[in-house]
């Protein structure tokens, strides 16, 4: 008799799970819209420009010649992780200028 005095809302089991569903979905969409950290992915490159691409990859990473060459040869591959949108766009423009195709992820 004393347990039902406050009704089913006291347990909180039913009300907590129903409100977390839509709230979680809206939080995920906000996170996707406000993304500030990006990865630059090298999709493909002109075979004649391979050496230029390797040199450019080395200019904005801390990779040695061998590591940069291996990274370019296994394209498509992420060449730079965790950069801002401006920096990522700058890298993409540099790669496009020498004959490579890169995308922002």
PDB file of N, CA and C in Angstrom:
ATOM      1  N   UNK A   1       0.814  -1.182   0.000  1.00  0.00           N
ATOM      2  CA  UNK A   1       0.000   0.000   0.000  1.00  0.00           C
ATOM      3  C   UNK A   1       0.858   1.246   0.000  1.00  0.00           C
ATOM      4  N   UNK A   2       1.926   1.266   0.750  1.00  0.00           N
ATOM      5  CA  UNK A   2       2.786   2.429   0.822  1.00  0.00           C
ATOM      6  C   UNK A   2       3.687   2.555  -0.397  1.00  0.00           C
ATOM      7  N   UNK A   3       3.942   1.476  -1.121  1.00  0.00           N
ATOM      8  CA  UNK A   3       4.828   1.521  -2.271  1.00  0.00           C
ATOM      9  C   UNK A   3       4.194   2.200  -3.474  1.00  0.00           C
ATOM     10  N   UNK A   4       2.918   2.048  -3.689  1.00  0.00           N
ATOM     11  CA  UNK A   4       2.234   2.660  -4.816  1.00  0.00           C
ATOM     12  C   UNK A   4       1.753   4.077  -4.524  1.00  0.00           C
ATOM     13  N   UNK A   5       2.064   4.594  -3.397  1.00  0.00           N
ATOM     14  CA  UNK A   5       1.562   5.894  -2.993  1.00  0.00           C
ATOM     15  C   UNK A   5       1.991   6.990  -3.961  1.00  0.00           C
ATOM     16  N   UNK A   6       3.196   6.943  -4.505  1.00  0.00           N
ATOM     17  CA  UNK A   6       3.695   7.992  -5.398  1.00  0.00           C
ATOM     18  C   UNK A   6       3.507   7.662  -6.872  1.00  0.00           C
ATOM     19  N   UNK A   7       3.071   6.518  -7.198  1.00  0.00           N
ATOM     20  CA  UNK A   7       2.802   6.142  -8.577  1.00  0.00           C
ATOM     21  C   UNK A   7       4.030   5.563  -9.257  1.00  0.00           C
ATOM     22  N   UNK A   8       3.893   5.227 -10.530  1.00  0.00           N
ATOM     23  CA  UNK A   8       4.982   4.578 -11.258  1.00  0.00           C
ATOM     24  C   UNK A   8       6.152   5.509 -11.581  1.00  0.00           C
ATOM     25  N   UNK A   9       6.000   6.818 -11.491  1.00  0.00           N
ATOM     26  CA  UNK A   9       7.064   7.749 -11.848  1.00  0.00           C
ATOM     27  C   UNK A   9       8.214   7.727 -10.859  1.00  0.00           C
ATOM     28  N   UNK A  10       8.013   7.210  -9.666  1.00  0.00           N
ATOM     29  CA  UNK A  10       9.047   7.186  -8.649  1.00  0.00           C
ATOM     30  C   UNK A  10      10.205   6.289  -9.059  1.00  0.00           C
ATOM     31  N   UNK A  11       9.919   5.201  -9.727  1.00  0.00           N
ATOM     32  CA  UNK A  11      10.978   4.277 -10.099  1.00  0.00           C
ATOM     33  C   UNK A  11      11.949   4.908 -11.083  1.00  0.00           C
ATOM     34  N   UNK A  12      11.472   5.713 -12.021  1.00  0.00           N
ATOM     35  CA  UNK A  12      12.328   6.396 -12.967  1.00  0.00           C
ATOM     36  C   UNK A  12      12.831   5.520 -14.093  1.00  0.00           C
ATOM     37  N   UNK A  13      12.541   4.237 -14.081  1.00  0.00           N
ATOM     38  CA  UNK A  13      13.037   3.358 -15.126  1.00  0.00           C
ATOM     39  C   UNK A  13      12.398   3.658 -16.470  1.00  0.00           C
ATOM     40  N   UNK A  14      11.118   3.851 -16.508  1.00  0.00           N
ATOM     41  CA  UNK A  14      10.423   4.109 -17.764  1.00  0.00           C
ATOM     42  C   UNK A  14      10.719   5.492 -18.309  1.00  0.00           C
ATOM     43  N   UNK A  15      10.757   6.497 -17.475  1.00  0.00           N
ATOM     44  CA  UNK A  15      10.932   7.862 -17.959  1.00  0.00           C
ATOM     45  C   UNK A  15      12.376   8.148 -18.360  1.00  0.00           C
ATOM     46  N   UNK A  16      13.340   7.520 -17.719  1.00  0.00           N
ATOM     47  CA  UNK A  16      14.737   7.797 -18.033  1.00  0.00           C
ATOM     48  C   UNK A  16      15.157   7.272 -19.388  1.00  0.00           C
ATOM     49  N   UNK A  17      14.713   6.089 -19.749  1.00  0.00           N
ATOM     50  CA  UNK A  17      15.130   5.498 -21.009  1.00  0.00           C
ATOM     51  C   UNK A  17      14.445   6.149 -22.200  1.00  0.00           C
ATOM     52  N   UNK A  18      13.220   6.606 -22.038  1.00  0.00           N
ATOM     53  CA  UNK A  18      12.519   7.197 -23.175  1.00  0.00           C
ATOM     54  C   UNK A  18      13.069   8.573 -23.516  1.00  0.00           C
ATOM     55  N   UNK A  19      13.557   9.320 -22.533  1.00  0.00           N
ATOM     56  CA  UNK A  19      14.065  10.653 -22.836  1.00  0.00           C
ATOM     57  C   UNK A  19      15.515  10.620 -23.315  1.00  0.00           C
ATOM     58  N   UNK A  20      16.252   9.560 -23.013  1.00  0.00           N
ATOM     59  CA  UNK A  20      17.646   9.516 -23.442  1.00  0.00           C
ATOM     60  C   UNK A  20      17.784   9.165 -24.920  1.00  0.00           C
ATOM     61  N   UNK A  21      16.811   8.514 -25.519  1.00  0.00           N
ATOM     62  CA  UNK A  21      16.872   8.137 -26.935  1.00  0.00           C
ATOM     63  C   UNK A  21      16.968   9.336 -27.854  1.00  0.00           C
ATOM     64  N   UNK A  22      15.987  10.230 -27.871  1.00  0.00           N
ATOM     65  CA  UNK A  22      16.068  11.395 -28.750  1.00  0.00           C
ATOM     66  C   UNK A  22      17.191  12.342 -28.357  1.00  0.00           C
ATOM     67  N   UNK A  23      17.488  12.441 -27.071  1.00  0.00           N
ATOM     68  CA  UNK A  23      18.561  13.328 -26.625  1.00  0.00           C
ATOM     69  C   UNK A  23      19.912  12.867 -27.136  1.00  0.00           C
ATOM     70  N   UNK A  24      20.121  11.579 -27.158  1.00  0.00           N
ATOM     71  CA  UNK A  24      21.383  11.042 -27.646  1.00  0.00           C
ATOM     72  C   UNK A  24      21.526  11.272 -29.145  1.00  0.00           C
ATOM     73  N   UNK A  25      20.438  11.149 -29.873  1.00  0.00           N
ATOM     74  CA  UNK A  25      20.492  11.359 -31.319  1.00  0.00           C
ATOM     75  C   UNK A  25      20.802  12.811 -31.648  1.00  0.00           C
ATOM     76  N   UNK A  26      20.213  13.748 -30.915  1.00  0.00           N
ATOM     77  CA  UNK A  26      20.482  15.157 -31.196  1.00  0.00           C
ATOM     78  C   UNK A  26      21.904  15.528 -30.797  1.00  0.00           C
ATOM     79  N   UNK A  27      22.451  14.892 -29.781  1.00  0.00           N
ATOM     80  CA  UNK A  27      23.827  15.156 -29.386  1.00  0.00           C
ATOM     81  C   UNK A  27      24.793  14.672 -30.462  1.00  0.00           C
ATOM     82  N   UNK A  28      24.487  13.536 -31.099  1.00  0.00           N
ATOM     83  CA  UNK A  28      25.338  13.018 -32.162  1.00  0.00           C
ATOM     84  C   UNK A  28      25.333  13.938 -33.374  1.00  0.00           C
ATOM     85  N   UNK A  29      24.191  14.484 -33.728  1.00  0.00           N
ATOM     86  CA  UNK A  29      24.132  15.380 -34.885  1.00  0.00           C
ATOM     87  C   UNK A  29      24.850  16.681 -34.598  1.00  0.00           C
ATOM     88  N   UNK A  30      24.789  17.152 -33.365  1.00  0.00           N
ATOM     89  CA  UNK A  30      25.520  18.374 -33.019  1.00  0.00           C
ATOM     90  C   UNK A  30      27.020  18.136 -33.126  1.00  0.00           C
ATOM     91  N   UNK A  31      27.465  16.975 -32.674  1.00  0.00           N
ATOM     92  CA  UNK A  31      28.887  16.655 -32.740  1.00  0.00           C
ATOM     93  C   UNK A  31      29.352  16.578 -34.193  1.00  0.00           C
ATOM     94  N   UNK A  32      28.514  16.053 -35.067  1.00  0.00           N
ATOM     95  CA  UNK A  32      28.881  15.954 -36.476  1.00  0.00           C
ATOM     96  C   UNK A  32      28.932  17.335 -37.122  1.00  0.00           C
ATOM     97  N   UNK A  33      28.033  18.218 -36.742  1.00  0.00           N
ATOM     98  CA  UNK A  33      28.013  19.558 -37.313  1.00  0.00           C
ATOM     99  C   UNK A  33      29.177  20.400 -36.815  1.00  0.00           C
ATOM    100  N   UNK A  34      29.600  20.182 -35.581  1.00  0.00           N
ATOM    101  CA  UNK A  34      30.626  21.007 -34.973  1.00  0.00           C
ATOM    102  C   UNK A  34      32.003  20.348 -35.015  1.00  0.00           C
ATOM    103  N   UNK A  35      32.242  19.491 -35.952  1.00  0.00           N
ATOM    104  CA  UNK A  35      33.514  18.782 -36.044  1.00  0.00           C
ATOM    105  C   UNK A  35      34.629  19.782 -36.332  1.00  0.00           C
ATOM    106  N   UNK A  36      35.673  19.743 -35.523  1.00  0.00           N
ATOM    107  CA  UNK A  36      36.773  20.686 -35.687  1.00  0.00           C
ATOM    108  C   UNK A  36      38.089  19.994 -36.013  1.00  0.00           C
ATOM    109  N   UNK A  37      38.159  18.701 -35.846  1.00  0.00           N
ATOM    110  CA  UNK A  37      39.382  17.947 -36.125  1.00  0.00           C
ATOM    111  C   UNK A  37      39.125  17.046 -37.331  1.00  0.00           C
ATOM    112  N   UNK A  38      40.017  17.113 -38.302  1.00  0.00           N
ATOM    113  CA  UNK A  38      39.831  16.389 -39.552  1.00  0.00           C
ATOM    114  C   UNK A  38      41.072  15.575 -39.892  1.00  0.00           C
ATOM    115  N   UNK A  39      40.894  14.633 -40.807  1.00  0.00           N
ATOM    116  CA  UNK A  39      41.989  13.844 -41.362  1.00  0.00           C
ATOM    117  C   UNK A  39      42.070  14.136 -42.854  1.00  0.00           C
ATOM    118  N   UNK A  40      43.291  14.155 -43.384  1.00  0.00           N
ATOM    119  CA  UNK A  40      43.495  14.348 -44.821  1.00  0.00           C
ATOM    120  C   UNK A  40      43.860  12.995 -45.414  1.00  0.00           C
ATOM    121  N   UNK A  41      43.097  12.588 -46.419  1.00  0.00           N
ATOM    122  CA  UNK A  41      43.306  11.278 -47.038  1.00  0.00           C
ATOM    123  C   UNK A  41      43.739  11.465 -48.485  1.00  0.00           C
ATOM    124  N   UNK A  42      44.855  10.867 -48.841  1.00  0.00           N
ATOM    125  CA  UNK A  42      45.338  10.863 -50.219  1.00  0.00           C
ATOM    126  C   UNK A  42      44.603   9.758 -50.958  1.00  0.00           C
ATOM    127  N   UNK A  43      43.793  10.139 -51.960  1.00  0.00           N
ATOM    128  CA  UNK A  43      43.024   9.144 -52.715  1.00  0.00           C
ATOM    129  C   UNK A  43      43.834   8.549 -53.851  1.00  0.00           C
ATOM    130  N   UNK A  44      44.358   9.417 -54.701  1.00  0.00           N
ATOM    131  CA  UNK A  44      45.142   8.947 -55.842  1.00  0.00           C
ATOM    132  C   UNK A  44      46.064  10.070 -56.291  1.00  0.00           C
ATOM    133  N   UNK A  45      46.990   9.711 -57.176  1.00  0.00           N
ATOM    134  CA  UNK A  45      47.933  10.701 -57.681  1.00  0.00           C
ATOM    135  C   UNK A  45      48.396  10.285 -59.060  1.00  0.00           C
ATOM    136  N   UNK A  46      48.895  11.251 -59.795  1.00  0.00           N
ATOM    137  CA  UNK A  46      49.429  10.996 -61.124  1.00  0.00           C
ATOM    138  C   UNK A  46      50.780  10.305 -60.962  1.00  0.00           C
ATOM    139  N   UNK A  47      50.990   9.225 -61.679  1.00  0.00           N
ATOM    140  CA  UNK A  47      52.232   8.457 -61.546  1.00  0.00           C
ATOM    141  C   UNK A  47      53.462   9.301 -61.854  1.00  0.00           C
ATOM    142  N   UNK A  48      53.323  10.246 -62.773  1.00  0.00           N
ATOM    143  CA  UNK A  48      54.453  11.106 -63.123  1.00  0.00           C
ATOM    144  C   UNK A  48      54.799  12.069 -61.991  1.00  0.00           C
ATOM    145  N   UNK A  49      53.851  12.327 -61.101  1.00  0.00           N
ATOM    146  CA  UNK A  49      54.066  13.278 -60.013  1.00  0.00           C
ATOM    147  C   UNK A  49      54.365  12.590 -58.684  1.00  0.00           C
ATOM    148  N   UNK A  50      54.705  11.319 -58.726  1.00  0.00           N
ATOM    149  CA  UNK A  50      54.911  10.554 -57.497  1.00  0.00           C
ATOM    150  C   UNK A  50      55.998  11.161 -56.611  1.00  0.00           C
ATOM    151  N   UNK A  51      57.103  11.561 -57.198  1.00  0.00           N
ATOM    152  CA  UNK A  51      58.203  12.137 -56.422  1.00  0.00           C
ATOM    153  C   UNK A  51      57.778  13.453 -55.787  1.00  0.00           C
ATOM    154  N   UNK A  52      57.033  14.272 -56.534  1.00  0.00           N
ATOM    155  CA  UNK A  52      56.539  15.541 -55.988  1.00  0.00           C
ATOM    156  C   UNK A  52      55.586  15.298 -54.823  1.00  0.00           C
ATOM    157  N   UNK A  53      54.739  14.287 -54.957  1.00  0.00           N
ATOM    158  CA  UNK A  53      53.785  13.966 -53.892  1.00  0.00           C
ATOM    159  C   UNK A  53      54.534  13.509 -52.642  1.00  0.00           C
ATOM    160  N   UNK A  54      55.548  12.680 -52.808  1.00  0.00           N
ATOM    161  CA  UNK A  54      56.346  12.211 -51.671  1.00  0.00           C
ATOM    162  C   UNK A  54      57.014  13.388 -50.974  1.00  0.00           C
ATOM    163  N   UNK A  55      57.588  14.301 -51.749  1.00  0.00           N
ATOM    164  CA  UNK A  55      58.234  15.480 -51.158  1.00  0.00           C
ATOM    165  C   UNK A  55      57.227  16.343 -50.410  1.00  0.00           C
ATOM    166  N   UNK A  56      56.050  16.499 -50.970  1.00  0.00           N
ATOM    167  CA  UNK A  56      55.018  17.313 -50.319  1.00  0.00           C
ATOM    168  C   UNK A  56      54.527  16.647 -49.034  1.00  0.00           C
ATOM    169  N   UNK A  57      54.360  15.334 -49.061  1.00  0.00           N
ATOM    170  CA  UNK A  57      53.953  14.601 -47.852  1.00  0.00           C
ATOM    171  C   UNK A  57      54.999  14.795 -46.757  1.00  0.00           C
ATOM    172  N   UNK A  58      56.256  14.734 -47.123  1.00  0.00           N
ATOM    173  CA  UNK A  58      57.333  14.920 -46.145  1.00  0.00           C
ATOM    174  C   UNK A  58      57.356  16.332 -45.586  1.00  0.00           C
ATOM    175  N   UNK A  59      56.892  17.317 -46.376  1.00  0.00           N
ATOM    176  CA  UNK A  59      56.946  18.706 -45.913  1.00  0.00           C
ATOM    177  C   UNK A  59      55.967  18.988 -44.774  1.00  0.00           C
ATOM    178  N   UNK A  60      54.846  18.270 -44.709  1.00  0.00           N
ATOM    179  CA  UNK A  60      53.897  18.546 -43.630  1.00  0.00           C
ATOM    180  C   UNK A  60      53.736  17.387 -42.644  1.00  0.00           C
ATOM    181  N   UNK A  61      54.578  16.368 -42.765  1.00  0.00           N
ATOM    182  CA  UNK A  61      54.607  15.290 -41.768  1.00  0.00           C
ATOM    183  C   UNK A  61      56.037  15.147 -41.272  1.00  0.00           C
ATOM    184  N   UNK A  62      56.216  14.335 -40.265  1.00  0.00           N
ATOM    185  CA  UNK A  62      57.557  14.076 -39.730  1.00  0.00           C
ATOM    186  C   UNK A  62      58.118  12.769 -40.263  1.00  0.00           C
ATOM    187  N   UNK A  63      57.639  12.348 -41.426  1.00  0.00           N
ATOM    188  CA  UNK A  63      58.059  11.070 -41.987  1.00  0.00           C
ATOM    189  C   UNK A  63      59.380  11.197 -42.733  1.00  0.00           C
ATOM    190  N   UNK A  64      60.132  10.121 -42.710  1.00  0.00           N
ATOM    191  CA  UNK A  64      61.339  10.053 -43.505  1.00  0.00           C
ATOM    192  C   UNK A  64      60.997   9.704 -44.942  1.00  0.00           C
ATOM    193  N   UNK A  65      62.005   9.652 -45.788  1.00  0.00           N
ATOM    194  CA  UNK A  65      61.788   9.381 -47.207  1.00  0.00           C
ATOM    195  C   UNK A  65      61.136   8.015 -47.427  1.00  0.00           C
ATOM    196  N   UNK A  66      61.644   6.994 -46.764  1.00  0.00           N
ATOM    197  CA  UNK A  66      61.116   5.640 -46.949  1.00  0.00           C
ATOM    198  C   UNK A  66      59.658   5.549 -46.488  1.00  0.00           C
ATOM    199  N   UNK A  67      59.361   6.123 -45.312  1.00  0.00           N
ATOM    200  CA  UNK A  67      58.000   6.069 -44.774  1.00  0.00           C
ATOM    201  C   UNK A  67      57.025   6.846 -45.648  1.00  0.00           C
ATOM    202  N   UNK A  68      57.452   8.010 -46.137  1.00  0.00           N
ATOM    203  CA  UNK A  68      56.591   8.818 -47.008  1.00  0.00           C
ATOM    204  C   UNK A  68      56.321   8.089 -48.320  1.00  0.00           C
ATOM    205  N   UNK A  69      57.351   7.432 -48.869  1.00  0.00           N
ATOM    206  CA  UNK A  69      57.188   6.680 -50.115  1.00  0.00           C
ATOM    207  C   UNK A  69      56.197   5.533 -49.924  1.00  0.00           C
ATOM    208  N   UNK A  70      56.320   4.803 -48.814  1.00  0.00           N
ATOM    209  CA  UNK A  70      55.405   3.694 -48.535  1.00  0.00           C
ATOM    210  C   UNK A  70      53.976   4.187 -48.349  1.00  0.00           C
ATOM    211  N   UNK A  71      53.825   5.335 -47.694  1.00  0.00           N
ATOM    212  CA  UNK A  71      52.495   5.902 -47.484  1.00  0.00           C
ATOM    213  C   UNK A  71      51.845   6.291 -48.806  1.00  0.00           C
ATOM    214  N   UNK A  72      52.615   6.912 -49.684  1.00  0.00           N
ATOM    215  CA  UNK A  72      52.091   7.327 -50.989  1.00  0.00           C
ATOM    216  C   UNK A  72      51.741   6.105 -51.832  1.00  0.00           C
ATOM    217  N   UNK A  73      52.566   5.071 -51.784  1.00  0.00           N
ATOM    218  CA  UNK A  73      52.328   3.876 -52.596  1.00  0.00           C
ATOM    219  C   UNK A  73      51.100   3.087 -52.155  1.00  0.00           C
ATOM    220  N   UNK A  74      50.697   3.204 -50.899  1.00  0.00           N
ATOM    221  CA  UNK A  74      49.512   2.466 -50.467  1.00  0.00           C
ATOM    222  C   UNK A  74      48.249   3.329 -50.497  1.00  0.00           C
ATOM    223  N   UNK A  75      48.256   4.369 -51.320  1.00  0.00           N
ATOM    224  CA  UNK A  75      47.067   5.225 -51.471  1.00  0.00           C
ATOM    225  C   UNK A  75      45.907   4.390 -51.962  1.00  0.00           C
ATOM    226  N   UNK A  76      44.699   4.585 -51.507  1.00  0.00           N
ATOM    227  CA  UNK A  76      44.245   5.664 -50.625  1.00  0.00           C
ATOM    228  C   UNK A  76      44.631   5.413 -49.164  1.00  0.00           C
ATOM    229  N   UNK A  77      45.186   6.448 -48.542  1.00  0.00           N
ATOM    230  CA  UNK A  77      45.627   6.348 -47.158  1.00  0.00           C
ATOM    231  C   UNK A  77      45.550   7.717 -46.499  1.00  0.00           C
ATOM    232  N   UNK A  78      45.350   7.716 -45.193  1.00  0.00           N
ATOM    233  CA  UNK A  78      45.325   8.965 -44.434  1.00  0.00           C
ATOM    234  C   UNK A  78      46.762   9.438 -44.272  1.00  0.00           C
ATOM    235  N   UNK A  79      47.032  10.668 -44.703  1.00  0.00           N
ATOM    236  CA  UNK A  79      48.391  11.191 -44.647  1.00  0.00           C
ATOM    237  C   UNK A  79      48.610  12.129 -43.470  1.00  0.00           C
ATOM    238  N   UNK A  80      47.541  12.715 -42.959  1.00  0.00           N
ATOM    239  CA  UNK A  80      47.666  13.617 -41.812  1.00  0.00           C
ATOM    240  C   UNK A  80      46.401  13.505 -40.978  1.00  0.00           C
ATOM    241  N   UNK A  81      46.553  13.270 -39.674  1.00  0.00           N
ATOM    242  CA  UNK A  81      45.409  13.098 -38.777  1.00  0.00           C
ATOM    243  C   UNK A  81      45.351  14.249 -37.779  1.00  0.00           C
ATOM    244  N   UNK A  82      44.131  14.567 -37.367  1.00  0.00           N
ATOM    245  CA  UNK A  82      43.931  15.516 -36.281  1.00  0.00           C
ATOM    246  C   UNK A  82      44.327  16.941 -36.595  1.00  0.00           C
ATOM    247  N   UNK A  83      43.965  17.447 -37.758  1.00  0.00           N
ATOM    248  CA  UNK A  83      44.296  18.826 -38.120  1.00  0.00           C
ATOM    249  C   UNK A  83      43.022  19.663 -38.184  1.00  0.00           C
ATOM    250  N   UNK A  84      43.197  20.981 -38.109  1.00  0.00           N
ATOM    251  CA  UNK A  84      42.058  21.880 -38.220  1.00  0.00           C
ATOM    252  C   UNK A  84      41.587  21.929 -39.662  1.00  0.00           C
ATOM    253  N   UNK A  85      40.409  22.478 -39.868  1.00  0.00           N
ATOM    254  CA  UNK A  85      39.837  22.525 -41.210  1.00  0.00           C
ATOM    255  C   UNK A  85      40.686  23.403 -42.128  1.00  0.00           C
ATOM    256  N   UNK A  86      41.173  24.533 -41.616  1.00  0.00           N
ATOM    257  CA  UNK A  86      42.000  25.423 -42.436  1.00  0.00           C
ATOM    258  C   UNK A  86      43.299  24.747 -42.856  1.00  0.00           C
ATOM    259  N   UNK A  87      43.948  24.082 -41.908  1.00  0.00           N
ATOM    260  CA  UNK A  87      45.200  23.387 -42.215  1.00  0.00           C
ATOM    261  C   UNK A  87      44.957  22.245 -43.195  1.00  0.00           C
ATOM    262  N   UNK A  88      43.865  21.518 -43.003  1.00  0.00           N
ATOM    263  CA  UNK A  88      43.533  20.409 -43.903  1.00  0.00           C
ATOM    264  C   UNK A  88      43.274  20.915 -45.318  1.00  0.00           C
ATOM    265  N   UNK A  89      42.533  22.013 -45.442  1.00  0.00           N
ATOM    266  CA  UNK A  89      42.271  22.580 -46.767  1.00  0.00           C
ATOM    267  C   UNK A  89      43.554  23.062 -47.428  1.00  0.00           C
ATOM    268  N   UNK A  90      44.468  23.611 -46.645  1.00  0.00           N
ATOM    269  CA  UNK A  90      45.757  24.050 -47.175  1.00  0.00           C
ATOM    270  C   UNK A  90      46.552  22.861 -47.726  1.00  0.00           C
ATOM    271  N   UNK A  91      46.570  21.765 -46.993  1.00  0.00           N
ATOM    272  CA  UNK A  91      47.275  20.556 -47.432  1.00  0.00           C
ATOM    273  C   UNK A  91      46.644  20.005 -48.701  1.00  0.00           C
ATOM    274  N   UNK A  92      45.313  19.979 -48.741  1.00  0.00           N
ATOM    275  CA  UNK A  92      44.609  19.463 -49.918  1.00  0.00           C
ATOM    276  C   UNK A  92      44.922  20.308 -51.145  1.00  0.00           C
ATOM    277  N   UNK A  93      44.945  21.629 -50.986  1.00  0.00           N
ATOM    278  CA  UNK A  93      45.257  22.514 -52.116  1.00  0.00           C
ATOM    279  C   UNK A  93      46.684  22.285 -52.620  1.00  0.00           C
ATOM    280  N   UNK A  94      47.628  22.098 -51.702  1.00  0.00           N
ATOM    281  CA  UNK A  94      49.015  21.833 -52.101  1.00  0.00           C
ATOM    282  C   UNK A  94      49.117  20.524 -52.878  1.00  0.00           C
ATOM    283  N   UNK A  95      48.404  19.506 -52.416  1.00  0.00           N
ATOM    284  CA  UNK A  95      48.446  18.213 -53.101  1.00  0.00           C
ATOM    285  C   UNK A  95      47.769  18.281 -54.468  1.00  0.00           C
ATOM    286  N   UNK A  96      46.680  19.032 -54.568  1.00  0.00           N
ATOM    287  CA  UNK A  96      46.008  19.188 -55.860  1.00  0.00           C
ATOM    288  C   UNK A  96      46.896  19.923 -56.853  1.00  0.00           C
ATOM    289  N   UNK A  97      47.670  20.873 -56.374  1.00  0.00           N
ATOM    290  CA  UNK A  97      48.541  21.657 -57.250  1.00  0.00           C
ATOM    291  C   UNK A  97      49.622  20.804 -57.905  1.00  0.00           C
ATOM    292  N   UNK A  98      49.999  19.703 -57.272  1.00  0.00           N
ATOM    293  CA  UNK A  98      51.056  18.862 -57.844  1.00  0.00           C
ATOM    294  C   UNK A  98      50.510  17.606 -58.511  1.00  0.00           C
ATOM    295  N   UNK A  99      49.186  17.491 -58.616  1.00  0.00           N
ATOM    296  CA  UNK A  99      48.611  16.377 -59.362  1.00  0.00           C
ATOM    297  C   UNK A  99      48.073  15.232 -58.535  1.00  0.00           C
ATOM    298  N   UNK A 100      47.820  15.466 -57.259  1.00  0.00           N
ATOM    299  CA  UNK A 100      47.263  14.417 -56.404  1.00  0.00           C
ATOM    300  C   UNK A 100      45.823  14.765 -56.040  1.00  0.00           C
ATOM    301  N   UNK A 101      45.061  13.750 -55.680  1.00  0.00           N
ATOM    302  CA  UNK A 101      43.687  13.952 -55.238  1.00  0.00           C
ATOM    303  C   UNK A 101      43.605  13.577 -53.769  1.00  0.00           C
ATOM    304  N   UNK A 102      43.177  14.543 -52.943  1.00  0.00           N
ATOM    305  CA  UNK A 102      43.049  14.309 -51.508  1.00  0.00           C
ATOM    306  C   UNK A 102      41.664  14.750 -51.058  1.00  0.00           C
ATOM    307  N   UNK A 103      41.174  14.125 -49.994  1.00  0.00           N
ATOM    308  CA  UNK A 103      39.858  14.461 -49.462  1.00  0.00           C
ATOM    309  C   UNK A 103      39.945  14.705 -47.961  1.00  0.00           C
ATOM    310  N   UNK A 104      38.956  15.427 -47.480  1.00  0.00           N
ATOM    311  CA  UNK A 104      38.841  15.755 -46.065  1.00  0.00           C
ATOM    312  C   UNK A 104      37.918  14.740 -45.404  1.00  0.00           C
ATOM    313  N   UNK A 105      38.347  14.176 -44.304  1.00  0.00           N
ATOM    314  CA  UNK A 105      37.501  13.217 -43.580  1.00  0.00           C
ATOM    315  C   UNK A 105      37.259  13.714 -42.181  1.00  0.00           C
TER     316      UNK A 105
END
